[in-house]
Amino acid sequence: HVQLVESGGGSVQAGGSLRLSCAASGYTFSSNCVAWFRQFPGKEREGVARLSAGGEIRYYINSVQGRFTISLDNAKNTVYLQMNNLQPNDTANYYCAATRGSRFCRANFPRSDFDYWGQGTQVTVS
């Protein structure tokens, strides 16, 4: 049974930082494509950053490029999303997601590619 558990969300002021964590059980991140998504109220979930090939290939959407960093700690089997210089329009529920059997992510990493999802963690920036 695969379980992804996020943590690290919270409330910060604009310009602040948060680090989200996603720990897995029954699953190995290093062998698969993993990603962070976010969902604004009333909107569809959107991909924010993805990680392929054991952490060697990273991609970010334009709005977070240079501010967010996705990383993988193989020893802890945990994926992180370091978020710096947070802005009010980053306020959303953030989810980690992982594929089943795909070492590389597709370029546009659609939601439909991901088989496993965490429960989400709320990030609020004021």
N, C-alpha and C. Protein backbone atom coordinates (compact mmCIF):
# COMPACT_ATOMS: atom_id res chain seq x y z
N HIS A 1 0.85 -1.19 0.00
CA HIS A 1 0.00 0.00 0.00
C HIS A 1 0.88 1.23 0.00
N VAL A 2 0.70 2.09 -1.00
CA VAL A 2 1.50 3.31 -1.13
C VAL A 2 0.82 4.45 -0.40
N GLN A 3 1.61 5.18 0.35
CA GLN A 3 1.08 6.35 1.05
C GLN A 3 2.07 7.49 0.95
N LEU A 4 1.59 8.66 0.56
CA LEU A 4 2.38 9.88 0.53
C LEU A 4 1.81 10.83 1.56
N VAL A 5 2.68 11.37 2.39
CA VAL A 5 2.22 12.25 3.47
C VAL A 5 3.00 13.55 3.40
N GLU A 6 2.27 14.65 3.16
CA GLU A 6 2.90 15.97 3.11
C GLU A 6 2.89 16.61 4.48
N SER A 7 3.84 17.50 4.67
CA SER A 7 3.88 18.32 5.87
C SER A 7 4.62 19.60 5.55
N GLY A 8 4.55 20.57 6.46
CA GLY A 8 5.33 21.79 6.30
C GLY A 8 4.55 23.01 5.86
N GLY A 9 3.28 22.84 5.55
CA GLY A 9 2.49 24.00 5.18
C GLY A 9 2.26 24.92 6.37
N GLY A 10 1.68 26.08 6.09
CA GLY A 10 1.39 27.02 7.16
C GLY A 10 1.13 28.40 6.61
N SER A 11 1.18 29.36 7.50
CA SER A 11 0.93 30.76 7.14
C SER A 11 2.20 31.56 7.29
N VAL A 12 2.51 32.34 6.26
CA VAL A 12 3.69 33.20 6.31
C VAL A 12 3.35 34.56 5.70
N GLN A 13 4.19 35.53 5.99
CA GLN A 13 4.04 36.84 5.35
C GLN A 13 4.75 36.83 4.02
N ALA A 14 4.32 37.73 3.14
CA ALA A 14 4.95 37.84 1.84
C ALA A 14 6.45 38.05 2.00
N GLY A 15 7.20 37.34 1.18
CA GLY A 15 8.66 37.37 1.25
C GLY A 15 9.25 36.27 2.11
N GLY A 16 8.39 35.56 2.84
CA GLY A 16 8.86 34.50 3.71
C GLY A 16 9.10 33.19 2.97
N SER A 17 9.47 32.17 3.73
CA SER A 17 9.81 30.86 3.17
C SER A 17 9.11 29.74 3.92
N LEU A 18 8.89 28.67 3.22
CA LEU A 18 8.40 27.43 3.80
C LEU A 18 9.07 26.28 3.07
N ARG A 19 9.20 25.16 3.75
CA ARG A 19 9.68 23.94 3.10
C ARG A 19 8.64 22.85 3.30
N LEU A 20 8.12 22.39 2.21
CA LEU A 20 7.17 21.29 2.25
C LEU A 20 7.92 19.97 2.13
N SER A 21 7.44 18.97 2.83
CA SER A 21 8.02 17.63 2.78
C SER A 21 6.96 16.63 2.34
N CYS A 22 7.40 15.62 1.65
CA CYS A 22 6.51 14.54 1.25
C CYS A 22 7.23 13.22 1.50
N ALA A 23 6.78 12.51 2.50
CA ALA A 23 7.38 11.23 2.85
C ALA A 23 6.55 10.09 2.28
N ALA A 24 7.24 9.06 1.80
CA ALA A 24 6.53 7.95 1.18
C ALA A 24 6.73 6.66 1.97
N SER A 25 5.69 5.86 1.96
CA SER A 25 5.79 4.49 2.45
C SER A 25 5.27 3.56 1.37
N GLY A 26 5.91 2.42 1.24
CA GLY A 26 5.52 1.49 0.20
C GLY A 26 5.88 1.94 -1.19
N TYR A 27 6.83 2.85 -1.29
CA TYR A 27 7.16 3.46 -2.58
C TYR A 27 8.55 4.05 -2.51
N THR A 28 9.27 4.02 -3.66
CA THR A 28 10.61 4.59 -3.72
C THR A 28 10.63 5.75 -4.71
N PHE A 29 10.88 6.95 -4.19
CA PHE A 29 10.86 8.13 -5.05
C PHE A 29 11.94 8.08 -6.12
N SER A 30 13.11 7.58 -5.80
CA SER A 30 14.25 7.70 -6.71
C SER A 30 14.05 6.96 -8.02
N SER A 31 13.12 6.04 -8.06
CA SER A 31 12.91 5.25 -9.28
C SER A 31 11.81 5.81 -10.17
N ASN A 32 11.22 6.91 -9.77
CA ASN A 32 10.02 7.39 -10.46
C ASN A 32 10.00 8.90 -10.64
N CYS A 33 9.11 9.34 -11.51
CA CYS A 33 8.81 10.76 -11.66
C CYS A 33 7.95 11.20 -10.48
N VAL A 34 8.34 12.30 -9.86
CA VAL A 34 7.55 12.86 -8.76
C VAL A 34 7.36 14.35 -9.01
N ALA A 35 6.35 14.92 -8.39
CA ALA A 35 6.04 16.32 -8.65
C ALA A 35 5.28 16.93 -7.50
N TRP A 36 5.28 18.24 -7.48
CA TRP A 36 4.43 19.01 -6.59
C TRP A 36 3.39 19.74 -7.45
N PHE A 37 2.16 19.70 -6.98
CA PHE A 37 1.05 20.42 -7.60
C PHE A 37 0.47 21.38 -6.57
N ARG A 38 -0.31 22.32 -7.06
CA ARG A 38 -1.05 23.18 -6.14
C ARG A 38 -2.43 23.43 -6.72
N GLN A 39 -3.34 23.75 -5.83
CA GLN A 39 -4.71 24.00 -6.24
C GLN A 39 -5.24 25.25 -5.55
N PHE A 40 -5.61 26.23 -6.40
CA PHE A 40 -6.23 27.44 -5.89
C PHE A 40 -7.72 27.19 -5.74
N PRO A 41 -8.39 27.90 -4.83
CA PRO A 41 -9.83 27.71 -4.64
C PRO A 41 -10.59 27.87 -5.95
N GLY A 42 -11.40 26.90 -6.27
CA GLY A 42 -12.22 26.98 -7.47
C GLY A 42 -11.48 26.71 -8.76
N LYS A 43 -10.22 26.33 -8.66
CA LYS A 43 -9.41 26.08 -9.86
C LYS A 43 -8.96 24.63 -9.91
N GLU A 44 -8.53 24.21 -11.10
CA GLU A 44 -7.98 22.87 -11.22
C GLU A 44 -6.55 22.83 -10.66
N ARG A 45 -6.16 21.64 -10.27
CA ARG A 45 -4.81 21.45 -9.74
C ARG A 45 -3.79 21.67 -10.86
N GLU A 46 -2.72 22.41 -10.55
CA GLU A 46 -1.69 22.68 -11.55
C GLU A 46 -0.33 22.20 -11.07
N GLY A 47 0.46 21.74 -12.03
CA GLY A 47 1.81 21.31 -11.69
C GLY A 47 2.69 22.51 -11.40
N VAL A 48 3.55 22.37 -10.41
CA VAL A 48 4.45 23.43 -10.00
C VAL A 48 5.89 23.08 -10.32
N ALA A 49 6.29 21.86 -9.99
CA ALA A 49 7.67 21.42 -10.20
C ALA A 49 7.68 19.91 -10.31
N ARG A 50 8.62 19.42 -11.11
CA ARG A 50 8.74 17.97 -11.26
C ARG A 50 10.19 17.56 -11.16
N LEU A 51 10.37 16.25 -10.85
CA LEU A 51 11.69 15.69 -10.61
C LEU A 51 11.75 14.32 -11.25
N SER A 52 12.80 14.09 -12.03
CA SER A 52 12.93 12.81 -12.73
C SER A 52 14.27 12.17 -12.43
N ALA A 53 14.36 10.93 -12.76
CA ALA A 53 15.64 10.21 -12.79
C ALA A 53 16.42 10.35 -11.48
N GLY A 54 15.74 10.07 -10.39
CA GLY A 54 16.42 10.09 -9.12
C GLY A 54 16.89 11.45 -8.67
N GLY A 55 16.25 12.49 -9.19
CA GLY A 55 16.59 13.83 -8.77
C GLY A 55 17.53 14.57 -9.70
N GLU A 56 17.85 14.00 -10.83
CA GLU A 56 18.81 14.64 -11.73
C GLU A 56 18.17 15.66 -12.68
N ILE A 57 16.91 15.54 -12.92
CA ILE A 57 16.24 16.43 -13.88
C ILE A 57 15.11 17.15 -13.16
N ARG A 58 15.15 18.46 -13.19
CA ARG A 58 14.16 19.29 -12.52
C ARG A 58 13.52 20.24 -13.53
N TYR A 59 12.27 20.59 -13.24
CA TYR A 59 11.57 21.57 -14.07
C TYR A 59 10.62 22.33 -13.17
N TYR A 60 10.48 23.64 -13.48
CA TYR A 60 9.59 24.51 -12.71
C TYR A 60 8.72 25.31 -13.66
N ILE A 61 7.52 25.59 -13.24
CA ILE A 61 6.71 26.50 -14.04
C ILE A 61 7.28 27.91 -13.88
N ASN A 62 6.98 28.76 -14.83
CA ASN A 62 7.60 30.09 -14.85
C ASN A 62 7.36 30.89 -13.59
N SER A 63 6.17 30.79 -13.05
CA SER A 63 5.81 31.65 -11.92
C SER A 63 6.57 31.33 -10.64
N VAL A 64 7.21 30.16 -10.57
CA VAL A 64 7.96 29.80 -9.36
C VAL A 64 9.45 29.65 -9.64
N GLN A 65 9.83 29.71 -10.91
CA GLN A 65 11.23 29.57 -11.28
C GLN A 65 12.08 30.59 -10.52
N GLY A 66 13.16 30.10 -9.90
CA GLY A 66 14.04 30.97 -9.15
C GLY A 66 13.64 31.18 -7.71
N ARG A 67 12.43 30.76 -7.36
CA ARG A 67 11.95 30.91 -5.98
C ARG A 67 11.75 29.55 -5.30
N PHE A 68 11.33 28.56 -6.04
CA PHE A 68 11.04 27.23 -5.50
C PHE A 68 12.13 26.25 -5.94
N THR A 69 12.42 25.28 -5.07
CA THR A 69 13.38 24.22 -5.40
C THR A 69 12.81 22.88 -4.97
N ILE A 70 12.75 21.95 -5.92
CA ILE A 70 12.33 20.59 -5.61
C ILE A 70 13.57 19.73 -5.45
N SER A 71 13.56 18.87 -4.43
CA SER A 71 14.72 18.03 -4.18
C SER A 71 14.29 16.71 -3.58
N LEU A 72 15.24 15.78 -3.59
CA LEU A 72 14.97 14.42 -3.11
C LEU A 72 16.07 14.00 -2.17
N ASP A 73 15.68 13.50 -1.01
CA ASP A 73 16.63 12.89 -0.07
C ASP A 73 16.39 11.39 -0.15
N ASN A 74 17.29 10.70 -0.83
CA ASN A 74 17.10 9.26 -1.03
C ASN A 74 17.14 8.49 0.28
N ALA A 75 18.01 8.90 1.19
CA ALA A 75 18.14 8.19 2.46
C ALA A 75 16.85 8.24 3.27
N LYS A 76 16.16 9.38 3.17
CA LYS A 76 14.91 9.54 3.91
C LYS A 76 13.69 9.21 3.05
N ASN A 77 13.93 8.96 1.75
CA ASN A 77 12.84 8.71 0.82
C ASN A 77 11.78 9.80 0.94
N THR A 78 12.25 11.02 0.87
CA THR A 78 11.39 12.18 1.06
C THR A 78 11.69 13.21 -0.03
N VAL A 79 10.64 13.78 -0.56
CA VAL A 79 10.76 14.86 -1.55
C VAL A 79 10.41 16.17 -0.86
N TYR A 80 11.14 17.20 -1.21
CA TYR A 80 10.93 18.51 -0.60
C TYR A 80 10.56 19.55 -1.67
N LEU A 81 9.89 20.57 -1.21
CA LEU A 81 9.68 21.76 -2.03
C LEU A 81 10.03 22.96 -1.16
N GLN A 82 11.22 23.51 -1.41
CA GLN A 82 11.64 24.71 -0.71
C GLN A 82 11.05 25.90 -1.43
N MET A 83 10.31 26.71 -0.72
CA MET A 83 9.62 27.86 -1.32
C MET A 83 10.12 29.14 -0.66
N ASN A 84 10.78 29.96 -1.43
CA ASN A 84 11.32 31.22 -0.94
C ASN A 84 10.58 32.39 -1.58
N ASN A 85 10.70 33.55 -0.95
CA ASN A 85 10.06 34.76 -1.46
C ASN A 85 8.60 34.50 -1.82
N LEU A 86 7.89 33.90 -0.90
CA LEU A 86 6.49 33.57 -1.15
C LEU A 86 5.65 34.83 -1.30
N GLN A 87 4.67 34.73 -2.19
CA GLN A 87 3.79 35.85 -2.48
C GLN A 87 2.34 35.44 -2.25
N PRO A 88 1.44 36.40 -2.04
CA PRO A 88 0.04 36.04 -1.80
C PRO A 88 -0.56 35.16 -2.89
N ASN A 89 -0.11 35.31 -4.13
CA ASN A 89 -0.69 34.46 -5.18
C ASN A 89 -0.10 33.05 -5.19
N ASP A 90 0.75 32.74 -4.21
CA ASP A 90 1.19 31.36 -4.01
C ASP A 90 0.26 30.63 -3.03
N THR A 91 -0.68 31.34 -2.45
CA THR A 91 -1.61 30.74 -1.50
C THR A 91 -2.43 29.66 -2.20
N ALA A 92 -2.33 28.44 -1.69
CA ALA A 92 -3.00 27.29 -2.32
C ALA A 92 -2.83 26.08 -1.43
N ASN A 93 -3.49 25.02 -1.81
CA ASN A 93 -3.26 23.71 -1.20
C ASN A 93 -2.24 22.99 -2.07
N TYR A 94 -1.18 22.51 -1.47
CA TYR A 94 -0.08 21.90 -2.21
C TYR A 94 -0.09 20.39 -2.01
N TYR A 95 0.13 19.67 -3.11
CA TYR A 95 0.09 18.22 -3.11
C TYR A 95 1.36 17.65 -3.72
N CYS A 96 1.88 16.58 -3.14
CA CYS A 96 2.90 15.84 -3.86
C CYS A 96 2.24 14.68 -4.60
N ALA A 97 2.88 14.28 -5.67
CA ALA A 97 2.32 13.24 -6.52
C ALA A 97 3.45 12.41 -7.10
N ALA A 98 3.15 11.16 -7.39
CA ALA A 98 4.17 10.26 -7.89
C ALA A 98 3.57 9.30 -8.90
N THR A 99 4.41 8.91 -9.86
CA THR A 99 3.96 7.98 -10.88
C THR A 99 4.26 6.54 -10.46
N ARG A 100 3.67 5.63 -11.20
CA ARG A 100 3.94 4.22 -10.97
C ARG A 100 4.69 3.70 -12.18
N GLY A 101 5.98 3.47 -11.99
CA GLY A 101 6.76 2.84 -13.05
C GLY A 101 7.29 3.76 -14.12
N SER A 102 7.26 5.08 -13.90
CA SER A 102 7.81 6.01 -14.89
C SER A 102 8.99 6.74 -14.28
N ARG A 103 10.19 6.43 -14.75
CA ARG A 103 11.38 7.07 -14.19
C ARG A 103 11.47 8.54 -14.62
N PHE A 104 10.94 8.83 -15.82
CA PHE A 104 11.01 10.19 -16.34
C PHE A 104 9.61 10.77 -16.44
N CYS A 105 9.53 12.08 -16.18
CA CYS A 105 8.26 12.78 -16.30
C CYS A 105 8.08 13.24 -17.74
N ARG A 106 6.84 13.33 -18.19
CA ARG A 106 6.57 14.01 -19.44
C ARG A 106 6.79 15.50 -19.24
N ALA A 107 7.08 16.20 -20.30
CA ALA A 107 7.44 17.62 -20.20
C ALA A 107 6.35 18.43 -19.51
N ASN A 108 5.10 18.19 -19.86
CA ASN A 108 4.01 18.99 -19.29
C ASN A 108 3.39 18.35 -18.04
N PHE A 109 3.90 17.22 -17.62
CA PHE A 109 3.49 16.45 -16.43
C PHE A 109 2.02 16.68 -16.04
N PRO A 110 1.11 16.19 -16.87
CA PRO A 110 -0.31 16.34 -16.56
C PRO A 110 -0.72 15.54 -15.33
N ARG A 111 -1.77 15.99 -14.68
CA ARG A 111 -2.26 15.31 -13.49
C ARG A 111 -2.53 13.83 -13.76
N SER A 112 -3.01 13.54 -14.94
CA SER A 112 -3.40 12.17 -15.27
C SER A 112 -2.23 11.20 -15.29
N ASP A 113 -0.99 11.72 -15.34
CA ASP A 113 0.18 10.83 -15.35
C ASP A 113 0.50 10.28 -13.96
N PHE A 114 -0.10 10.85 -12.93
CA PHE A 114 0.30 10.52 -11.56
C PHE A 114 -0.71 9.59 -10.90
N ASP A 115 -0.14 8.55 -10.29
CA ASP A 115 -0.96 7.48 -9.72
C ASP A 115 -1.18 7.64 -8.22
N TYR A 116 -0.27 8.32 -7.56
CA TYR A 116 -0.33 8.42 -6.11
C TYR A 116 -0.29 9.89 -5.71
N TRP A 117 -1.12 10.24 -4.72
CA TRP A 117 -1.24 11.62 -4.27
C TRP A 117 -1.24 11.68 -2.75
N GLY A 118 -0.63 12.74 -2.25
CA GLY A 118 -0.75 13.01 -0.83
C GLY A 118 -2.08 13.69 -0.53
N GLN A 119 -2.28 13.98 0.74
CA GLN A 119 -3.55 14.54 1.18
C GLN A 119 -3.60 16.06 1.02
N GLY A 120 -2.44 16.66 0.78
CA GLY A 120 -2.39 18.11 0.60
C GLY A 120 -2.01 18.83 1.88
N THR A 121 -1.35 19.97 1.69
CA THR A 121 -0.99 20.82 2.83
C THR A 121 -1.23 22.27 2.41
N GLN A 122 -1.86 23.02 3.26
CA GLN A 122 -2.27 24.38 2.93
C GLN A 122 -1.12 25.35 3.15
N VAL A 123 -0.91 26.21 2.17
CA VAL A 123 0.06 27.30 2.28
C VAL A 123 -0.71 28.61 2.12
N THR A 124 -0.57 29.49 3.09
CA THR A 124 -1.26 30.78 3.07
C THR A 124 -0.23 31.88 3.22
N VAL A 125 -0.23 32.81 2.26
CA VAL A 125 0.73 33.93 2.27
C VAL A 125 -0.06 35.22 2.34
N SER A 126 0.26 36.05 3.31
CA SER A 126 -0.48 37.31 3.47
C SER A 126 0.45 38.52 3.37
